[in-house]
Amino acid sequence: PTYNAFIHFAVPICNGHLAENPITGALQTPQ
């Protein structure tokens, strides 16, 4: 069997803005 841990968090709404992840280099939304 598997068990899930649901981890919730709050973030500002994206509004289409992307930023570069400094670790992976990928473009990501705030979420």
PDB file of all heavy atoms in Angstrom:
ATOM      1  N   PRO A   1       0.824  -1.212   0.000  1.00  0.00           N
ATOM      2  CA  PRO A   1       0.000   0.000   0.000  1.00  0.00           C
ATOM      3  C   PRO A   1       0.859   1.264   0.000  1.00  0.00           C
ATOM      4  O   PRO A   1       2.013   1.243   0.426  1.00  0.00           O
ATOM      5  CB  PRO A   1      -0.799  -0.119   1.295  1.00  0.00           C
ATOM      6  CG  PRO A   1       0.004  -1.021   2.166  1.00  0.00           C
ATOM      7  CD  PRO A   1       0.725  -1.960   1.241  1.00  0.00           C
ATOM      8  N   THR A   2       0.274   2.344  -0.478  1.00  0.00           N
ATOM      9  CA  THR A   2       0.965   3.628  -0.448  1.00  0.00           C
ATOM     10  C   THR A   2       0.171   4.595   0.423  1.00  0.00           C
ATOM     11  O   THR A   2      -1.037   4.447   0.604  1.00  0.00           O
ATOM     12  CB  THR A   2       1.124   4.225  -1.861  1.00  0.00           C
ATOM     13  OG1 THR A   2      -0.163   4.376  -2.450  1.00  0.00           O
ATOM     14  CG2 THR A   2       2.003   3.353  -2.733  1.00  0.00           C
ATOM     15  N   TYR A   3       0.873   5.572   0.943  1.00  0.00           N
ATOM     16  CA  TYR A   3       0.276   6.591   1.807  1.00  0.00           C
ATOM     17  C   TYR A   3       0.692   7.954   1.291  1.00  0.00           C
ATOM     18  O   TYR A   3       1.813   8.128   0.814  1.00  0.00           O
ATOM     19  CB  TYR A   3       0.738   6.393   3.259  1.00  0.00           C
ATOM     20  CG  TYR A   3       0.394   5.022   3.772  1.00  0.00           C
ATOM     21  CD1 TYR A   3       1.313   3.987   3.679  1.00  0.00           C
ATOM     22  CD2 TYR A   3      -0.870   4.755   4.284  1.00  0.00           C
ATOM     23  CE1 TYR A   3       0.985   2.709   4.110  1.00  0.00           C
ATOM     24  CE2 TYR A   3      -1.200   3.477   4.722  1.00  0.00           C
ATOM     25  CZ  TYR A   3      -0.269   2.463   4.629  1.00  0.00           C
ATOM     26  OH  TYR A   3      -0.606   1.199   5.047  1.00  0.00           O
ATOM     27  N   ASN A   4      -0.216   8.910   1.386  1.00  0.00           N
ATOM     28  CA  ASN A   4       0.041  10.248   0.854  1.00  0.00           C
ATOM     29  C   ASN A   4       0.159  11.265   1.972  1.00  0.00           C
ATOM     30  O   ASN A   4      -0.626  11.243   2.916  1.00  0.00           O
ATOM     31  CB  ASN A   4      -1.096  10.695  -0.063  1.00  0.00           C
ATOM     32  CG  ASN A   4      -1.245   9.819  -1.275  1.00  0.00           C
ATOM     33  OD1 ASN A   4      -0.310   9.152  -1.688  1.00  0.00           O
ATOM     34  ND2 ASN A   4      -2.417   9.817  -1.867  1.00  0.00           N
ATOM     35  N   ALA A   5       1.130  12.158   1.842  1.00  0.00           N
ATOM     36  CA  ALA A   5       1.226  13.331   2.706  1.00  0.00           C
ATOM     37  C   ALA A   5       0.888  14.534   1.837  1.00  0.00           C
ATOM     38  O   ALA A   5       1.596  14.820   0.872  1.00  0.00           O
ATOM     39  CB  ALA A   5       2.627  13.457   3.288  1.00  0.00           C
ATOM     40  N   PHE A   6      -0.209  15.205   2.163  1.00  0.00           N
ATOM     41  CA  PHE A   6      -0.626  16.389   1.420  1.00  0.00           C
ATOM     42  C   PHE A   6      -0.039  17.616   2.111  1.00  0.00           C
ATOM     43  O   PHE A   6      -0.292  17.850   3.281  1.00  0.00           O
ATOM     44  CB  PHE A   6      -2.153  16.498   1.385  1.00  0.00           C
ATOM     45  CG  PHE A   6      -2.801  15.388   0.614  1.00  0.00           C
ATOM     46  CD1 PHE A   6      -3.183  14.219   1.235  1.00  0.00           C
ATOM     47  CD2 PHE A   6      -3.035  15.519  -0.752  1.00  0.00           C
ATOM     48  CE1 PHE A   6      -3.781  13.188   0.526  1.00  0.00           C
ATOM     49  CE2 PHE A   6      -3.635  14.498  -1.471  1.00  0.00           C
ATOM     50  CZ  PHE A   6      -4.007  13.329  -0.826  1.00  0.00           C
ATOM     51  N   ILE A   7       0.764  18.386   1.387  1.00  0.00           N
ATOM     52  CA  ILE A   7       1.428  19.556   1.956  1.00  0.00           C
ATOM     53  C   ILE A   7       0.924  20.789   1.219  1.00  0.00           C
ATOM     54  O   ILE A   7       1.147  20.944   0.017  1.00  0.00           O
ATOM     55  CB  ILE A   7       2.958  19.408   1.854  1.00  0.00           C
ATOM     56  CG1 ILE A   7       3.388  18.159   2.638  1.00  0.00           C
ATOM     57  CG2 ILE A   7       3.651  20.665   2.355  1.00  0.00           C
ATOM     58  CD1 ILE A   7       4.806  17.728   2.395  1.00  0.00           C
ATOM     59  N   HIS A   8       0.226  21.644   1.946  1.00  0.00           N
ATOM     60  CA  HIS A   8      -0.407  22.833   1.365  1.00  0.00           C
ATOM     61  C   HIS A   8       0.447  24.066   1.640  1.00  0.00           C
ATOM     62  O   HIS A   8       1.145  24.144   2.648  1.00  0.00           O
ATOM     63  CB  HIS A   8      -1.796  23.034   1.971  1.00  0.00           C
ATOM     64  CG  HIS A   8      -2.694  21.853   1.800  1.00  0.00           C
ATOM     65  ND1 HIS A   8      -3.460  21.666   0.670  1.00  0.00           N
ATOM     66  CD2 HIS A   8      -2.932  20.789   2.595  1.00  0.00           C
ATOM     67  CE1 HIS A   8      -4.128  20.535   0.785  1.00  0.00           C
ATOM     68  NE2 HIS A   8      -3.830  19.982   1.941  1.00  0.00           N
ATOM     69  N   PHE A   9       0.354  25.046   0.769  1.00  0.00           N
ATOM     70  CA  PHE A   9       1.077  26.288   0.972  1.00  0.00           C
ATOM     71  C   PHE A   9       0.365  27.418   0.235  1.00  0.00           C
ATOM     72  O   PHE A   9      -0.452  27.180  -0.657  1.00  0.00           O
ATOM     73  CB  PHE A   9       2.529  26.180   0.491  1.00  0.00           C
ATOM     74  CG  PHE A   9       2.687  25.633  -0.895  1.00  0.00           C
ATOM     75  CD1 PHE A   9       2.671  26.470  -1.997  1.00  0.00           C
ATOM     76  CD2 PHE A   9       2.846  24.268  -1.103  1.00  0.00           C
ATOM     77  CE1 PHE A   9       2.814  25.960  -3.283  1.00  0.00           C
ATOM     78  CE2 PHE A   9       2.998  23.750  -2.376  1.00  0.00           C
ATOM     79  CZ  PHE A   9       2.978  24.607  -3.473  1.00  0.00           C
ATOM     80  N   ALA A  10       0.668  28.638   0.636  1.00  0.00           N
ATOM     81  CA  ALA A  10       0.071  29.817   0.011  1.00  0.00           C
ATOM     82  C   ALA A  10       1.122  30.517  -0.842  1.00  0.00           C
ATOM     83  O   ALA A  10       2.284  30.588  -0.468  1.00  0.00           O
ATOM     84  CB  ALA A  10      -0.446  30.770   1.081  1.00  0.00           C
ATOM     85  N   VAL A  11       0.697  31.008  -1.988  1.00  0.00           N
ATOM     86  CA  VAL A  11       1.593  31.719  -2.904  1.00  0.00           C
ATOM     87  C   VAL A  11       0.823  32.870  -3.549  1.00  0.00           C
ATOM     88  O   VAL A  11      -0.387  32.823  -3.641  1.00  0.00           O
ATOM     89  CB  VAL A  11       2.126  30.801  -4.029  1.00  0.00           C
ATOM     90  CG1 VAL A  11       3.156  29.848  -3.521  1.00  0.00           C
ATOM     91  CG2 VAL A  11       1.012  30.080  -4.726  1.00  0.00           C
ATOM     92  N   PRO A  12       1.532  33.895  -4.015  1.00  0.00           N
ATOM     93  CA  PRO A  12       0.830  34.955  -4.753  1.00  0.00           C
ATOM     94  C   PRO A  12       0.333  34.419  -6.092  1.00  0.00           C
ATOM     95  O   PRO A  12       0.947  33.536  -6.670  1.00  0.00           O
ATOM     96  CB  PRO A  12       1.907  36.027  -4.951  1.00  0.00           C
ATOM     97  CG  PRO A  12       3.202  35.288  -4.836  1.00  0.00           C
ATOM     98  CD  PRO A  12       2.961  34.146  -3.891  1.00  0.00           C
ATOM     99  N   ILE A  13      -0.756  34.962  -6.580  1.00  0.00           N
ATOM    100  CA  ILE A  13      -1.270  34.545  -7.890  1.00  0.00           C
ATOM    101  C   ILE A  13      -0.240  34.897  -8.959  1.00  0.00           C
ATOM    102  O   ILE A  13       0.387  35.951  -8.914  1.00  0.00           O
ATOM    103  CB  ILE A  13      -2.626  35.198  -8.182  1.00  0.00           C
ATOM    104  CG1 ILE A  13      -3.694  34.584  -7.260  1.00  0.00           C
ATOM    105  CG2 ILE A  13      -3.032  35.011  -9.639  1.00  0.00           C
ATOM    106  CD1 ILE A  13      -5.075  35.135  -7.435  1.00  0.00           C
ATOM    107  N   CYS A  14      -0.075  34.003  -9.891  1.00  0.00           N
ATOM    108  CA  CYS A  14       1.007  34.088 -10.875  1.00  0.00           C
ATOM    109  C   CYS A  14       0.906  35.284 -11.815  1.00  0.00           C
ATOM    110  O   CYS A  14       1.885  35.964 -12.066  1.00  0.00           O
ATOM    111  CB  CYS A  14       1.046  32.790 -11.687  1.00  0.00           C
ATOM    112  SG  CYS A  14       2.184  32.836 -13.056  1.00  0.00           S
ATOM    113  N   ASN A  15      -0.255  35.559 -12.373  1.00  0.00           N
ATOM    114  CA  ASN A  15      -0.439  36.605 -13.380  1.00  0.00           C
ATOM    115  C   ASN A  15       0.475  36.422 -14.589  1.00  0.00           C
ATOM    116  O   ASN A  15       0.875  37.383 -15.240  1.00  0.00           O
ATOM    117  CB  ASN A  15      -0.213  38.000 -12.778  1.00  0.00           C
ATOM    118  CG  ASN A  15      -1.275  38.340 -11.760  1.00  0.00           C
ATOM    119  OD1 ASN A  15      -2.405  37.893 -11.872  1.00  0.00           O
ATOM    120  ND2 ASN A  15      -0.912  39.108 -10.760  1.00  0.00           N
ATOM    121  N   GLY A  16       0.850  35.193 -14.876  1.00  0.00           N
ATOM    122  CA  GLY A  16       1.638  34.891 -16.063  1.00  0.00           C
ATOM    123  C   GLY A  16       3.125  35.170 -15.946  1.00  0.00           C
ATOM    124  O   GLY A  16       3.859  35.003 -16.901  1.00  0.00           O
ATOM    125  N   HIS A  17       3.601  35.611 -14.794  1.00  0.00           N
ATOM    126  CA  HIS A  17       5.018  35.927 -14.648  1.00  0.00           C
ATOM    127  C   HIS A  17       5.822  34.656 -14.389  1.00  0.00           C
ATOM    128  O   HIS A  17       5.463  33.841 -13.551  1.00  0.00           O
ATOM    129  CB  HIS A  17       5.237  36.914 -13.502  1.00  0.00           C
ATOM    130  CG  HIS A  17       4.571  38.229 -13.734  1.00  0.00           C
ATOM    131  ND1 HIS A  17       4.912  39.069 -14.759  1.00  0.00           N
ATOM    132  CD2 HIS A  17       3.560  38.837 -13.067  1.00  0.00           C
ATOM    133  CE1 HIS A  17       4.148  40.144 -14.716  1.00  0.00           C
ATOM    134  NE2 HIS A  17       3.313  40.025 -13.705  1.00  0.00           N
ATOM    135  N   LEU A  18       6.910  34.519 -15.120  1.00  0.00           N
ATOM    136  CA  LEU A  18       7.799  33.377 -14.938  1.00  0.00           C
ATOM    137  C   LEU A  18       9.138  33.885 -14.417  1.00  0.00           C
ATOM    138  O   LEU A  18       9.591  34.970 -14.755  1.00  0.00           O
ATOM    139  CB  LEU A  18       8.016  32.638 -16.258  1.00  0.00           C
ATOM    140  CG  LEU A  18       6.791  31.972 -16.885  1.00  0.00           C
ATOM    141  CD1 LEU A  18       7.170  31.368 -18.233  1.00  0.00           C
ATOM    142  CD2 LEU A  18       6.234  30.898 -15.971  1.00  0.00           C
ATOM    143  N   ALA A  19       9.772  33.079 -13.584  1.00  0.00           N
ATOM    144  CA  ALA A  19      11.102  33.389 -13.080  1.00  0.00           C
ATOM    145  C   ALA A  19      11.959  32.150 -13.242  1.00  0.00           C
ATOM    146  O   ALA A  19      11.452  31.024 -13.269  1.00  0.00           O
ATOM    147  CB  ALA A  19      11.033  33.810 -11.613  1.00  0.00           C
ATOM    148  N   GLU A  20      13.251  32.352 -13.333  1.00  0.00           N
ATOM    149  CA  GLU A  20      14.154  31.216 -13.503  1.00  0.00           C
ATOM    150  C   GLU A  20      14.440  30.571 -12.152  1.00  0.00           C
ATOM    151  O   GLU A  20      14.776  31.250 -11.188  1.00  0.00           O
ATOM    152  CB  GLU A  20      15.471  31.673 -14.133  1.00  0.00           C
ATOM    153  CG  GLU A  20      16.411  30.519 -14.428  1.00  0.00           C
ATOM    154  CD  GLU A  20      17.676  30.961 -15.148  1.00  0.00           C
ATOM    155  OE1 GLU A  20      17.643  31.995 -15.832  1.00  0.00           O
ATOM    156  OE2 GLU A  20      18.682  30.264 -15.014  1.00  0.00           O
ATOM    157  N   ASN A  21      14.294  29.259 -12.104  1.00  0.00           N
ATOM    158  CA  ASN A  21      14.662  28.496 -10.916  1.00  0.00           C
ATOM    159  C   ASN A  21      16.187  28.506 -10.844  1.00  0.00           C
ATOM    160  O   ASN A  21      16.846  28.008 -11.750  1.00  0.00           O
ATOM    161  CB  ASN A  21      14.118  27.069 -11.042  1.00  0.00           C
ATOM    162  CG  ASN A  21      14.455  26.186  -9.860  1.00  0.00           C
ATOM    163  OD1 ASN A  21      15.524  26.280  -9.282  1.00  0.00           O
ATOM    164  ND2 ASN A  21      13.541  25.307  -9.520  1.00  0.00           N
ATOM    165  N   PRO A  22      16.772  29.063  -9.781  1.00  0.00           N
ATOM    166  CA  PRO A  22      18.234  29.174  -9.728  1.00  0.00           C
ATOM    167  C   PRO A  22      18.944  27.821  -9.625  1.00  0.00           C
ATOM    168  O   PRO A  22      20.134  27.729  -9.908  1.00  0.00           O
ATOM    169  CB  PRO A  22      18.482  30.024  -8.479  1.00  0.00           C
ATOM    170  CG  PRO A  22      17.257  29.889  -7.665  1.00  0.00           C
ATOM    171  CD  PRO A  22      16.132  29.653  -8.616  1.00  0.00           C
ATOM    172  N   ILE A  23      18.219  26.790  -9.254  1.00  0.00           N
ATOM    173  CA  ILE A  23      18.833  25.465  -9.104  1.00  0.00           C
ATOM    174  C   ILE A  23      18.778  24.676 -10.408  1.00  0.00           C
ATOM    175  O   ILE A  23      19.770  24.124 -10.860  1.00  0.00           O
ATOM    176  CB  ILE A  23      18.171  24.686  -7.953  1.00  0.00           C
ATOM    177  CG1 ILE A  23      18.391  25.438  -6.639  1.00  0.00           C
ATOM    178  CG2 ILE A  23      18.714  23.257  -7.862  1.00  0.00           C
ATOM    179  CD1 ILE A  23      17.611  24.911  -5.465  1.00  0.00           C
ATOM    180  N   THR A  24      17.599  24.658 -11.053  1.00  0.00           N
ATOM    181  CA  THR A  24      17.433  23.853 -12.267  1.00  0.00           C
ATOM    182  C   THR A  24      17.558  24.671 -13.547  1.00  0.00           C
ATOM    183  O   THR A  24      17.752  24.104 -14.621  1.00  0.00           O
ATOM    184  CB  THR A  24      16.064  23.159 -12.283  1.00  0.00           C
ATOM    185  OG1 THR A  24      15.047  24.160 -12.386  1.00  0.00           O
ATOM    186  CG2 THR A  24      15.840  22.324 -11.033  1.00  0.00           C
ATOM    187  N   GLY A  25      17.396  25.993 -13.448  1.00  0.00           N
ATOM    188  CA  GLY A  25      17.433  26.833 -14.631  1.00  0.00           C
ATOM    189  C   GLY A  25      16.113  26.890 -15.382  1.00  0.00           C
ATOM    190  O   GLY A  25      15.984  27.610 -16.361  1.00  0.00           O
ATOM    191  N   ALA A  26      15.123  26.126 -14.925  1.00  0.00           N
ATOM    192  CA  ALA A  26      13.822  26.100 -15.604  1.00  0.00           C
ATOM    193  C   ALA A  26      13.039  27.375 -15.301  1.00  0.00           C
ATOM    194  O   ALA A  26      13.172  27.959 -14.222  1.00  0.00           O
ATOM    195  CB  ALA A  26      13.022  24.886 -15.137  1.00  0.00           C
ATOM    196  N   LEU A  27      12.213  27.791 -16.264  1.00  0.00           N
ATOM    197  CA  LEU A  27      11.309  28.899 -16.021  1.00  0.00           C
ATOM    198  C   LEU A  27      10.089  28.369 -15.286  1.00  0.00           C
ATOM    199  O   LEU A  27       9.483  27.375 -15.693  1.00  0.00           O
ATOM    200  CB  LEU A  27      10.885  29.554 -17.337  1.00  0.00           C
ATOM    201  CG  LEU A  27      11.977  30.335 -18.059  1.00  0.00           C
ATOM    202  CD1 LEU A  27      11.448  30.844 -19.392  1.00  0.00           C
ATOM    203  CD2 LEU A  27      12.478  31.482 -17.206  1.00  0.00           C
ATOM    204  N   GLN A  28       9.739  29.026 -14.191  1.00  0.00           N
ATOM    205  CA  GLN A  28       8.644  28.539 -13.363  1.00  0.00           C
ATOM    206  C   GLN A  28       7.763  29.685 -12.886  1.00  0.00           C
ATOM    207  O   GLN A  28       8.235  30.813 -12.715  1.00  0.00           O
ATOM    208  CB  GLN A  28       9.183  27.805 -12.129  1.00  0.00           C
ATOM    209  CG  GLN A  28       9.942  26.542 -12.463  1.00  0.00           C
ATOM    210  CD  GLN A  28      10.369  25.789 -11.219  1.00  0.00           C
ATOM    211  OE1 GLN A  28      10.908  26.364 -10.287  1.00  0.00           O
ATOM    212  NE2 GLN A  28      10.110  24.499 -11.211  1.00  0.00           N
ATOM    213  N   THR A  29       6.495  29.370 -12.651  1.00  0.00           N
ATOM    214  CA  THR A  29       5.582  30.313 -12.013  1.00  0.00           C
ATOM    215  C   THR A  29       5.900  30.335 -10.524  1.00  0.00           C
ATOM    216  O   THR A  29       6.585  29.436 -10.012  1.00  0.00           O
ATOM    217  CB  THR A  29       4.123  29.874 -12.206  1.00  0.00           C
ATOM    218  OG1 THR A  29       3.928  28.645 -11.516  1.00  0.00           O
ATOM    219  CG2 THR A  29       3.767  29.729 -13.680  1.00  0.00           C
ATOM    220  N   PRO A  30       5.398  31.344  -9.778  1.00  0.00           N
ATOM    221  CA  PRO A  30       5.609  31.340  -8.329  1.00  0.00           C
ATOM    222  C   PRO A  30       5.088  30.060  -7.665  1.00  0.00           C
ATOM    223  O   PRO A  30       5.696  29.548  -6.725  1.00  0.00           O
ATOM    224  CB  PRO A  30       4.830  32.570  -7.855  1.00  0.00           C
ATOM    225  CG  PRO A  30       4.839  33.490  -9.035  1.00  0.00           C
ATOM    226  CD  PRO A  30       4.750  32.575 -10.237  1.00  0.00           C
ATOM    227  N   GLN A  31       3.959  29.530  -8.165  1.00  0.00           N
ATOM    228  CA  GLN A  31       3.414  28.300  -7.591  1.00  0.00           C
ATOM    229  C   GLN A  31       4.363  27.126  -7.809  1.00  0.00           C
ATOM    230  O   GLN A  31       4.585  26.310  -6.915  1.00  0.00           O
ATOM    231  CB  GLN A  31       2.039  27.980  -8.197  1.00  0.00           C
ATOM    232  CG  GLN A  31       0.929  28.892  -7.725  1.00  0.00           C
ATOM    233  CD  GLN A  31       0.854  30.189  -8.510  1.00  0.00           C
ATOM    234  OE1 GLN A  31       1.755  30.540  -9.275  1.00  0.00           O
ATOM    235  NE2 GLN A  31      -0.211  30.941  -8.315  1.00  0.00           N
TER     236      GLN A  31
END
